[in-house]
Amino acid sequence: MGSEGMKQPWKIGMFQCAGLMGAWKLPENTATDFLDLNHWLTMARRCEDAGVDFLFFADDYGYPVVGDGIPATALRGGVQFPKADPTMILPALAAVTERLGLVTTLSTTVEKPPMVARKMATLDHITNGRIGWNIVTGAGQNASARLFGLPMTEHDLRYEIAADHVDLSLKLWEGCWDEGGLVIDREAGIFADPDKVREIEHHGPHFDAKGLLPVPPGPQRTPMLFQAGASVPGRDLAAKYAEAVFLAAEVPALTAQIADIRRRAEEYGRDPRSIKCLIAGTFVVAETEADAHALRARQTGTRSLEDAAASYAFFTGLDLSVMDPDKPLDVEAALTQTGRTNVERFLGPDAPTVREILEEFQRNSVMGAPFIGDAGQVVDQAQAVIEATDADGFLVQPDHTGTFDSFIDLVMPELRARGLVATDLPAMTLRERLLGTGTPHLAPEHPGAAYRRDVASAKSPATA
């Protein structure tokens, strides 16, 4: 790992979806409380008190589909189903926290750009600049297409649509309101300065718009931009627009993916270090190594191979249960349009058999191998991965309770003792907290910054 990365404290986010997930069958697990607001309020307060950087909610409209419907095993096992809408929860979490970042997912396939722009601009105000948008084309594509009565969109085309979507959203956030456009001068009777507020025009390959974002800019103007998706089109989208990226794989693949994202970012004229790469990390931690391994066995024992097959179908659209368990995935399977990341990871000269893929999903689902042991051991393992991959931190998965209590109680003190995470940070915007640039706004070299009139006018004719 480069010396630049070693100087920066790790960034720590916590992963959730507003639904059932994880080892919910264990008696101590609280994931079944996902429709109880107090469940989320307690979690947010605990994360903030522990010094966590942000709480992240994955979201989608999908669910496992096999053949012509949701498999019974997915319903019995609570596999990628059910889930609620996290955007309904975020304002409540913002009200009980002051420093914790809040990140949510909105799909570029389902949500139209003006809808995303208005929601996120509102949340930027409500959170005092602590909001982030996870840009995804959407998980469970085959199910969501059925739900909305839309044809299935080809995988790479979804990323073309996503790029156009983000471009239009950036125009709405950055181009409609100048600094000082909101006046609110009661004596003069001026609410907004007409010279500093304007409609934008966008004529892209997939979206056309002429109009005004009615929400004035919040503290960040554009929400902190996240991306999750490790296919080649996903990495390219991240390199162009994202300020933080979530990745889930084993070390060799992670190292290659992170290097590729940074290389592509530089080709887009961006600082390759300006993108924070966060690894989806599963920490199975207890007071002793033996207790941690026993806990791991209990967690794994809650998931059957049938659950694993349903989960794999959700992410890829492929039904492993009808394939030859002693052979690898065939070439045709790689052409799935639902999701590529979890197909591509199991291809190649050393490709595992279908049975081995199911066993891997039973153990780890889409995540890499967990860190297991006492606090010192798991932090040693995590440090080795950071050094090998050039990553910037972790997106921590829920523990056996469905919360992050073991990580907060055992791992965070160890990280602080080693000086690996920032401590006692004041309230600030999410962008300032994660990027450390001292500004709540997009970096000048980010493509979205060009849509702000003050930025565009400051550029010379050679660079405008």
Protein backbone atom coordinates (compact mmCIF):
# COMPACT_ATOMS: atom_id res chain seq x y z
CA MET A 1 0.00 0.00 0.00
CA GLY A 2 1.20 3.47 -0.79
CA SER A 3 2.45 5.77 1.96
CA GLU A 4 -0.26 8.31 1.18
CA GLY A 5 -2.98 5.82 2.15
CA MET A 6 -1.19 4.87 5.39
CA LYS A 7 -1.37 8.46 6.66
CA GLN A 8 -5.14 8.64 6.42
CA PRO A 9 -7.43 7.26 9.13
CA TRP A 10 -9.67 4.44 8.05
CA LYS A 11 -13.22 5.32 7.07
CA ILE A 12 -15.82 3.16 8.79
CA GLY A 13 -19.37 2.77 7.53
CA MET A 14 -22.06 0.37 8.74
CA PHE A 15 -24.15 -1.63 6.26
CA GLN A 16 -27.88 -2.22 6.63
CA CYS A 17 -31.01 -2.56 4.59
CA ALA A 18 -34.39 -1.54 5.98
CA GLY A 19 -35.47 -5.15 6.02
CA LEU A 20 -34.80 -8.66 7.19
CA MET A 21 -31.19 -9.73 6.80
CA GLY A 22 -28.46 -11.81 8.33
CA ALA A 23 -28.83 -14.62 10.85
CA TRP A 24 -32.35 -13.63 11.88
CA LYS A 25 -33.09 -17.18 13.13
CA LEU A 26 -30.75 -16.73 16.11
CA PRO A 27 -32.70 -15.82 19.26
CA GLU A 28 -30.50 -12.79 20.00
CA ASN A 29 -30.93 -11.34 16.52
CA THR A 30 -33.04 -8.17 16.24
CA ALA A 31 -33.34 -7.88 12.45
CA THR A 32 -37.01 -8.84 12.69
CA ASP A 33 -37.58 -5.41 14.32
CA PHE A 34 -36.91 -3.64 11.02
CA LEU A 35 -40.36 -1.97 11.06
CA ASP A 36 -39.85 -0.63 14.59
CA LEU A 37 -38.43 2.89 14.43
CA ASN A 38 -36.78 2.53 17.83
CA HIS A 39 -34.62 -0.25 16.37
CA TRP A 40 -33.06 2.24 13.96
CA LEU A 41 -32.89 5.14 16.40
CA THR A 42 -30.93 3.03 18.88
CA MET A 43 -28.60 1.82 16.13
CA ALA A 44 -27.91 5.33 14.84
CA ARG A 45 -27.18 6.69 18.30
CA ARG A 46 -24.80 3.81 19.04
CA CYS A 47 -22.96 4.32 15.75
CA GLU A 48 -22.54 8.04 16.37
CA ASP A 49 -21.35 7.59 19.96
CA ALA A 50 -18.77 5.04 18.75
CA GLY A 51 -17.29 7.46 16.19
CA VAL A 52 -18.54 5.61 13.10
CA ASP A 53 -18.42 7.75 9.95
CA PHE A 54 -21.74 6.78 8.40
CA LEU A 55 -24.68 4.38 8.45
CA PHE A 56 -25.49 3.04 5.00
CA PHE A 57 -28.77 1.56 3.76
CA ALA A 58 -28.83 -0.68 0.72
CA ASP A 59 -32.15 -0.67 -1.11
CA ASP A 60 -33.90 -2.13 -4.13
CA TYR A 61 -37.32 -3.29 -5.31
CA GLY A 62 -36.12 -6.81 -6.05
CA TYR A 63 -36.45 -10.24 -4.51
CA PRO A 64 -35.38 -13.71 -5.64
CA VAL A 65 -37.17 -14.92 -8.76
CA VAL A 66 -36.82 -18.45 -10.09
CA GLY A 67 -38.85 -19.52 -13.09
CA ASP A 68 -42.01 -17.46 -12.92
CA GLY A 69 -42.13 -16.42 -9.29
CA ILE A 70 -40.53 -16.06 -5.89
CA PRO A 71 -39.33 -19.45 -4.61
CA ALA A 72 -40.96 -20.77 -1.45
CA THR A 73 -37.53 -21.17 0.16
CA ALA A 74 -36.96 -17.41 -0.12
CA LEU A 75 -40.21 -16.75 1.74
CA ARG A 76 -39.55 -19.37 4.41
CA GLY A 77 -35.93 -18.33 4.85
CA GLY A 78 -36.37 -14.56 4.64
CA VAL A 79 -33.83 -14.43 1.79
CA GLN A 80 -33.45 -10.87 0.42
CA PHE A 81 -37.06 -10.35 1.51
CA PRO A 82 -38.91 -8.47 2.98
CA LYS A 83 -37.66 -4.88 3.19
CA ALA A 84 -39.01 -1.38 3.79
CA ASP A 85 -38.12 2.04 2.34
CA PRO A 86 -35.04 3.52 4.08
CA THR A 87 -35.74 7.07 2.88
CA MET A 88 -38.70 7.07 5.26
CA ILE A 89 -36.37 6.29 8.17
CA LEU A 90 -33.53 8.73 7.46
CA PRO A 91 -35.18 11.96 8.70
CA ALA A 92 -35.83 10.36 12.08
CA LEU A 93 -32.19 9.27 12.32
CA ALA A 94 -31.04 12.76 11.38
CA ALA A 95 -33.10 14.19 14.24
CA VAL A 96 -31.33 12.10 16.90
CA THR A 97 -27.75 12.47 15.59
CA GLU A 98 -25.42 15.38 14.84
CA ARG A 99 -22.27 13.88 13.31
CA LEU A 100 -23.21 10.50 11.80
CA GLY A 101 -23.35 10.39 8.02
CA LEU A 102 -26.46 8.82 6.46
CA VAL A 103 -26.26 7.11 3.08
CA THR A 104 -29.06 5.54 1.07
CA THR A 105 -29.51 3.82 -2.27
CA LEU A 106 -31.70 5.13 -5.08
CA SER A 107 -31.80 3.19 -8.34
CA THR A 108 -31.04 4.92 -11.62
CA THR A 109 -33.26 2.37 -13.34
CA VAL A 110 -36.39 2.99 -11.26
CA GLU A 111 -36.07 6.57 -9.95
CA LYS A 112 -36.04 9.41 -12.49
CA PRO A 113 -33.35 12.11 -12.11
CA PRO A 114 -35.65 14.96 -10.96
CA MET A 115 -37.09 12.63 -8.31
CA VAL A 116 -33.62 11.73 -7.03
CA ALA A 117 -32.47 15.36 -7.16
CA ARG A 118 -35.44 16.61 -5.13
CA LYS A 119 -35.28 13.84 -2.52
CA MET A 120 -31.55 14.13 -1.97
CA ALA A 121 -31.56 17.95 -1.91
CA THR A 122 -34.25 17.83 0.77
CA LEU A 123 -32.31 15.26 2.78
CA ASP A 124 -29.17 17.37 2.46
CA HIS A 125 -31.01 20.15 4.31
CA ILE A 126 -32.64 17.86 6.88
CA THR A 127 -29.34 16.16 7.75
CA ASN A 128 -27.30 19.40 7.73
CA GLY A 129 -25.17 18.06 4.91
CA ARG A 130 -24.71 14.51 6.18
CA ILE A 131 -26.45 12.71 3.31
CA GLY A 132 -24.96 10.46 0.64
CA TRP A 133 -26.44 8.84 -2.47
CA ASN A 134 -25.38 5.30 -3.35
CA ILE A 135 -25.69 5.21 -7.16
CA VAL A 136 -26.77 1.78 -8.38
CA THR A 137 -28.66 0.48 -11.38
CA GLY A 138 -30.55 -1.74 -8.93
CA ALA A 139 -30.37 -5.25 -7.53
CA GLY A 140 -32.84 -8.02 -8.28
CA GLN A 141 -33.43 -6.59 -11.75
CA ASN A 142 -35.58 -9.45 -12.98
CA ALA A 143 -38.01 -8.99 -10.07
CA SER A 144 -38.15 -5.19 -10.20
CA ALA A 145 -38.76 -5.23 -13.97
CA ARG A 146 -41.75 -7.52 -13.39
CA LEU A 147 -43.00 -5.34 -10.54
CA PHE A 148 -42.94 -2.15 -12.61
CA GLY A 149 -44.19 -3.84 -15.77
CA LEU A 150 -41.03 -2.91 -17.68
CA PRO A 151 -38.87 -4.93 -20.05
CA MET A 152 -35.58 -6.21 -18.68
CA THR A 153 -32.82 -3.72 -19.55
CA GLU A 154 -29.53 -5.16 -20.76
CA HIS A 155 -26.75 -4.97 -18.14
CA ASP A 156 -24.31 -2.63 -19.89
CA LEU A 157 -27.16 -0.43 -21.14
CA ARG A 158 -28.27 0.07 -17.52
CA TYR A 159 -24.89 1.64 -16.82
CA GLU A 160 -25.18 3.92 -19.86
CA ILE A 161 -28.55 5.04 -18.48
CA ALA A 162 -26.99 5.49 -15.04
CA ALA A 163 -24.27 7.79 -16.39
CA ASP A 164 -26.87 9.96 -18.16
CA HIS A 165 -29.03 9.91 -15.02
CA VAL A 166 -26.19 11.12 -12.80
CA ASP A 167 -25.21 13.77 -15.33
CA LEU A 168 -28.72 15.25 -15.33
CA SER A 169 -28.98 15.03 -11.53
CA LEU A 170 -25.70 16.94 -11.24
CA LYS A 171 -27.00 19.66 -13.54
CA LEU A 172 -30.05 20.07 -11.31
CA TRP A 173 -28.01 20.24 -8.10
CA GLU A 174 -25.17 22.37 -9.42
CA GLY A 175 -26.63 24.43 -12.23
CA CYS A 176 -30.02 25.75 -11.10
CA TRP A 177 -29.06 27.88 -8.11
CA ASP A 178 -26.02 30.15 -7.80
CA GLU A 179 -24.56 30.97 -4.40
CA GLY A 180 -26.72 33.77 -3.01
CA GLY A 181 -29.68 32.82 -5.17
CA LEU A 182 -31.85 32.36 -2.10
CA VAL A 183 -32.32 35.88 -0.71
CA ILE A 184 -35.38 35.91 1.63
CA ASP A 185 -35.42 39.71 1.99
CA ARG A 186 -38.81 40.45 3.54
CA GLU A 187 -38.43 44.24 3.42
CA ALA A 188 -37.54 44.24 -0.26
CA GLY A 189 -40.05 41.51 -1.02
CA ILE A 190 -37.43 39.29 -2.70
CA PHE A 191 -37.42 35.59 -2.00
CA ALA A 192 -34.96 34.52 -4.71
CA ASP A 193 -32.74 36.49 -7.10
CA PRO A 194 -33.96 35.87 -10.68
CA ASP A 195 -30.43 36.48 -11.99
CA LYS A 196 -29.10 33.62 -9.86
CA VAL A 197 -31.77 30.98 -10.41
CA ARG A 198 -32.40 29.34 -13.78
CA GLU A 199 -33.75 26.32 -15.59
CA ILE A 200 -31.24 23.85 -16.90
CA GLU A 201 -31.42 21.96 -20.17
CA HIS A 202 -30.30 18.40 -20.70
CA HIS A 203 -30.46 16.43 -23.91
CA GLY A 204 -28.73 13.14 -23.21
CA PRO A 205 -28.94 9.72 -24.81
CA HIS A 206 -31.60 8.57 -22.33
CA PHE A 207 -33.01 11.65 -20.58
CA ASP A 208 -34.32 15.01 -21.76
CA ALA A 209 -35.14 17.81 -19.37
CA LYS A 210 -35.68 21.54 -19.23
CA GLY A 211 -36.54 22.81 -15.81
CA LEU A 212 -35.65 24.00 -12.36
CA LEU A 213 -34.91 22.06 -9.18
CA PRO A 214 -37.33 23.74 -6.76
CA VAL A 215 -35.25 22.87 -3.67
CA PRO A 216 -32.52 25.46 -2.94
CA PRO A 217 -29.03 24.00 -2.43
CA GLY A 218 -28.26 22.34 0.88
CA PRO A 219 -24.92 22.45 2.69
CA GLN A 220 -23.29 20.02 0.23
CA ARG A 221 -25.32 21.09 -2.81
CA THR A 222 -24.69 17.66 -4.36
CA PRO A 223 -24.95 14.75 -1.90
CA MET A 224 -21.81 12.75 -1.27
CA LEU A 225 -21.71 10.30 -4.18
CA PHE A 226 -21.23 6.58 -3.52
CA GLN A 227 -21.29 3.65 -5.94
CA ALA A 228 -21.51 -0.12 -5.56
CA GLY A 229 -20.92 -2.44 -8.51
CA ALA A 230 -17.67 -4.10 -9.51
CA SER A 231 -18.37 -5.07 -13.11
CA VAL A 232 -16.35 -3.22 -15.74
CA PRO A 233 -19.17 -0.73 -16.48
CA GLY A 234 -19.68 -0.32 -12.73
CA ARG A 235 -16.04 0.51 -12.14
CA ASP A 236 -16.10 3.00 -14.99
CA LEU A 237 -19.17 4.74 -13.55
CA ALA A 238 -17.43 4.90 -10.18
CA ALA A 239 -14.25 6.33 -11.69
CA LYS A 240 -16.16 9.13 -13.41
CA TYR A 241 -18.61 10.17 -10.70
CA ALA A 242 -18.19 8.42 -7.33
CA GLU A 243 -16.44 9.85 -4.30
CA ALA A 244 -16.60 6.56 -2.41
CA VAL A 245 -16.98 2.99 -3.68
CA PHE A 246 -18.13 -0.20 -1.96
CA LEU A 247 -16.39 -3.42 -2.98
CA ALA A 248 -16.86 -7.04 -1.89
CA ALA A 249 -14.37 -9.71 -2.97
CA GLU A 250 -11.23 -11.55 -1.90
CA VAL A 251 -7.90 -9.76 -1.72
CA PRO A 252 -6.51 -10.45 -5.24
CA ALA A 253 -9.74 -9.28 -6.90
CA LEU A 254 -10.07 -6.28 -4.56
CA THR A 255 -6.52 -5.17 -5.32
CA ALA A 256 -7.17 -5.32 -9.06
CA GLN A 257 -10.55 -3.58 -8.82
CA ILE A 258 -9.25 -0.71 -6.70
CA ALA A 259 -6.24 -0.17 -8.96
CA ASP A 260 -8.51 -0.19 -12.00
CA ILE A 261 -10.91 2.37 -10.48
CA ARG A 262 -8.04 4.69 -9.58
CA ARG A 263 -6.51 4.32 -13.06
CA ARG A 264 -9.84 5.12 -14.72
CA ALA A 265 -10.39 8.10 -12.42
CA GLU A 266 -7.06 9.56 -13.49
CA GLU A 267 -8.06 9.11 -17.13
CA TYR A 268 -11.18 11.15 -16.37
CA GLY A 269 -9.00 13.96 -15.02
CA ARG A 270 -9.71 13.23 -11.38
CA ASP A 271 -7.34 12.72 -8.47
CA PRO A 272 -7.26 8.91 -8.06
CA ARG A 273 -6.91 9.33 -4.30
CA SER A 274 -10.10 11.39 -4.15
CA ILE A 275 -12.19 8.19 -4.36
CA LYS A 276 -12.44 6.33 -1.06
CA CYS A 277 -12.55 2.58 -1.64
CA LEU A 278 -14.33 0.74 1.16
CA ILE A 279 -14.31 -3.03 1.56
CA ALA A 280 -17.42 -4.87 2.69
CA GLY A 281 -16.00 -6.42 5.86
CA THR A 282 -17.56 -9.12 8.03
CA PHE A 283 -16.12 -9.09 11.55
CA VAL A 284 -16.92 -12.16 13.64
CA VAL A 285 -15.45 -11.00 16.92
CA ALA A 286 -15.75 -12.15 20.52
CA GLU A 287 -13.76 -11.99 23.75
CA THR A 288 -11.78 -15.08 22.71
CA GLU A 289 -10.87 -16.70 19.41
CA ALA A 290 -12.70 -19.89 20.40
CA ASP A 291 -15.89 -17.95 21.12
CA ALA A 292 -15.61 -16.19 17.76
CA HIS A 293 -15.34 -19.47 15.86
CA ALA A 294 -18.28 -20.91 17.79
CA LEU A 295 -20.29 -17.83 16.88
CA ARG A 296 -19.31 -18.21 13.25
CA ALA A 297 -20.55 -21.80 13.25
CA ARG A 298 -23.89 -20.72 14.71
CA GLN A 299 -24.30 -18.01 12.08
CA THR A 300 -23.44 -20.30 9.17
CA GLY A 301 -25.79 -22.94 10.54
CA THR A 302 -28.79 -20.64 10.11
CA ARG A 303 -28.43 -20.70 6.29
CA SER A 304 -29.21 -23.74 4.16
CA LEU A 305 -27.96 -24.46 0.65
CA GLU A 306 -31.51 -23.72 -0.52
CA ASP A 307 -31.23 -20.27 1.09
CA ALA A 308 -27.91 -19.82 -0.70
CA ALA A 309 -29.47 -20.72 -4.05
CA ALA A 310 -32.30 -18.21 -3.50
CA SER A 311 -29.80 -15.51 -2.57
CA TYR A 312 -27.68 -16.24 -5.64
CA ALA A 313 -30.79 -16.04 -7.82
CA PHE A 314 -31.53 -12.59 -6.40
CA PHE A 315 -28.10 -11.22 -7.31
CA THR A 316 -27.69 -12.94 -10.69
CA GLY A 317 -31.02 -14.24 -11.95
CA LEU A 318 -29.48 -17.73 -12.17
CA ASP A 319 -31.05 -20.81 -10.57
CA LEU A 320 -28.14 -22.94 -9.37
CA SER A 321 -30.51 -25.55 -7.98
CA VAL A 322 -31.22 -26.90 -11.49
CA MET A 323 -27.56 -26.95 -12.63
CA ASP A 324 -25.11 -29.85 -12.44
CA PRO A 325 -23.55 -29.42 -8.99
CA ASP A 326 -20.27 -30.99 -10.09
CA LYS A 327 -19.60 -28.64 -13.00
CA PRO A 328 -18.67 -24.94 -13.13
CA LEU A 329 -21.08 -22.31 -14.44
CA ASP A 330 -21.43 -22.58 -18.20
CA VAL A 331 -20.55 -19.73 -20.55
CA GLU A 332 -24.18 -18.91 -21.26
CA ALA A 333 -24.76 -18.23 -17.55
CA ALA A 334 -22.21 -15.41 -17.73
CA LEU A 335 -24.53 -13.56 -20.09
CA THR A 336 -27.15 -12.90 -17.41
CA GLN A 337 -28.59 -9.39 -17.48
CA THR A 338 -29.62 -9.29 -13.81
CA GLY A 339 -26.15 -8.86 -12.29
CA ARG A 340 -22.63 -9.64 -13.45
CA THR A 341 -20.40 -9.17 -10.41
CA ASN A 342 -21.40 -12.42 -8.70
CA VAL A 343 -21.14 -14.37 -11.94
CA GLU A 344 -17.76 -13.03 -13.03
CA ARG A 345 -16.19 -13.79 -9.64
CA PHE A 346 -16.86 -17.51 -10.21
CA LEU A 347 -15.52 -17.77 -13.77
CA GLY A 348 -12.02 -18.40 -15.07
CA PRO A 349 -9.52 -21.26 -15.29
CA ASP A 350 -9.90 -22.17 -11.60
CA ALA A 351 -13.68 -21.76 -11.57
CA PRO A 352 -15.45 -23.54 -8.71
CA THR A 353 -18.24 -26.03 -9.24
CA VAL A 354 -21.87 -25.07 -8.75
CA ARG A 355 -21.84 -26.95 -5.43
CA GLU A 356 -18.80 -24.93 -4.30
CA ILE A 357 -20.51 -21.69 -5.30
CA LEU A 358 -23.55 -22.63 -3.21
CA GLU A 359 -21.33 -23.51 -0.26
CA GLU A 360 -19.53 -20.17 -0.60
CA PHE A 361 -22.85 -18.29 -0.67
CA GLN A 362 -24.03 -20.29 2.32
CA ARG A 363 -20.97 -19.12 4.26
CA ASN A 364 -20.44 -15.58 3.01
CA SER A 365 -23.14 -14.59 0.48
CA VAL A 366 -21.69 -11.75 -1.65
CA MET A 367 -19.07 -10.82 0.94
CA GLY A 368 -15.47 -11.90 1.13
CA ALA A 369 -14.16 -14.22 3.82
CA PRO A 370 -14.79 -12.85 7.32
CA PHE A 371 -12.28 -11.69 9.88
CA ILE A 372 -12.59 -14.06 12.85
CA GLY A 373 -11.08 -13.88 16.32
CA ASP A 374 -10.71 -11.56 19.28
CA ALA A 375 -10.43 -7.81 18.76
CA GLY A 376 -6.68 -7.79 18.25
CA GLN A 377 -6.79 -10.68 15.81
CA VAL A 378 -9.52 -9.25 13.59
CA VAL A 379 -7.81 -5.85 13.45
CA ASP A 380 -4.54 -7.57 12.50
CA GLN A 381 -6.38 -9.34 9.68
CA ALA A 382 -8.10 -6.13 8.57
CA GLN A 383 -4.80 -4.23 8.53
CA ALA A 384 -3.28 -6.87 6.27
CA VAL A 385 -6.14 -6.51 3.81
CA ILE A 386 -5.91 -2.70 3.78
CA GLU A 387 -2.19 -2.88 3.11
CA ALA A 388 -2.60 -5.47 0.35
CA THR A 389 -5.44 -3.71 -1.49
CA ASP A 390 -4.82 0.04 -1.06
CA ALA A 391 -8.35 0.39 0.33
CA ASP A 392 -9.42 3.25 2.60
CA GLY A 393 -11.62 1.50 5.13
CA PHE A 394 -14.55 -0.83 5.63
CA LEU A 395 -18.27 -1.08 5.19
CA VAL A 396 -18.99 -3.27 8.19
CA GLN A 397 -21.66 -5.98 7.95
CA PRO A 398 -24.13 -6.58 10.80
CA ASP A 399 -23.14 -9.10 13.44
CA HIS A 400 -25.14 -12.05 14.79
CA THR A 401 -27.50 -9.66 16.59
CA GLY A 402 -28.43 -7.82 13.39
CA THR A 403 -26.70 -4.74 14.78
CA PHE A 404 -23.05 -3.67 15.15
CA ASP A 405 -22.76 -4.09 18.90
CA SER A 406 -19.79 -6.48 18.86
CA PHE A 407 -17.87 -4.26 16.44
CA ILE A 408 -18.66 -1.13 18.44
CA ASP A 409 -17.84 -2.69 21.80
CA LEU A 410 -14.74 -4.68 20.82
CA VAL A 411 -13.26 -3.52 17.52
CA MET A 412 -13.68 0.26 17.64
CA PRO A 413 -11.68 0.58 20.90
CA GLU A 414 -8.89 -1.46 19.31
CA LEU A 415 -8.93 0.74 16.18
CA ARG A 416 -8.74 3.87 18.32
CA ALA A 417 -5.92 2.43 20.43
CA ARG A 418 -3.90 1.79 17.26
CA GLY A 419 -4.65 5.23 15.82
CA LEU A 420 -6.38 3.74 12.79
CA VAL A 421 -9.56 5.83 12.98
CA ALA A 422 -10.22 9.50 13.59
CA THR A 423 -11.49 10.45 17.03
CA ASP A 424 -13.52 13.33 18.44
CA LEU A 425 -14.47 14.77 15.06
CA PRO A 426 -16.81 17.77 15.24
CA ALA A 427 -20.05 18.02 13.31
CA MET A 428 -19.37 18.57 9.61
CA THR A 429 -20.75 17.54 6.25
CA LEU A 430 -20.32 13.95 5.12
CA ARG A 431 -18.10 15.03 2.22
CA GLU A 432 -15.78 16.93 4.56
CA ARG A 433 -15.65 14.00 6.95
CA LEU A 434 -14.82 11.35 4.38
CA LEU A 435 -12.67 13.30 1.94
CA GLY A 436 -10.96 15.72 4.32
CA THR A 437 -10.84 18.45 1.68
CA GLY A 438 -12.20 21.19 3.91
CA THR A 439 -15.11 21.96 1.58
CA PRO A 440 -18.64 20.59 1.56
CA HIS A 441 -18.81 20.84 -2.23
CA LEU A 442 -17.64 18.71 -5.13
CA ALA A 443 -13.96 18.95 -6.02
CA PRO A 444 -13.30 21.36 -8.91
CA GLU A 445 -12.15 18.49 -11.15
CA HIS A 446 -15.31 16.47 -10.55
CA PRO A 447 -17.46 16.56 -13.72
CA GLY A 448 -20.45 17.86 -11.74
CA ALA A 449 -18.59 20.98 -10.63
CA ALA A 450 -18.50 22.26 -14.21
CA TYR A 451 -22.26 22.85 -14.07
CA ARG A 452 -21.93 25.53 -11.39
CA ARG A 453 -21.80 28.92 -13.05
CA ASP A 454 -19.22 30.29 -10.61
CA VAL A 455 -16.91 27.31 -11.24
CA ALA A 456 -17.41 27.37 -15.00
CA SER A 457 -16.79 31.12 -15.25
CA ALA A 458 -13.63 30.81 -13.17
CA LYS A 459 -12.08 28.41 -15.66
CA SER A 460 -9.93 29.67 -18.45
CA PRO A 461 -11.11 29.21 -22.04
CA ALA A 462 -8.56 26.42 -22.40
CA THR A 463 -10.06 24.38 -19.58
CA ALA A 464 -13.73 25.35 -19.65
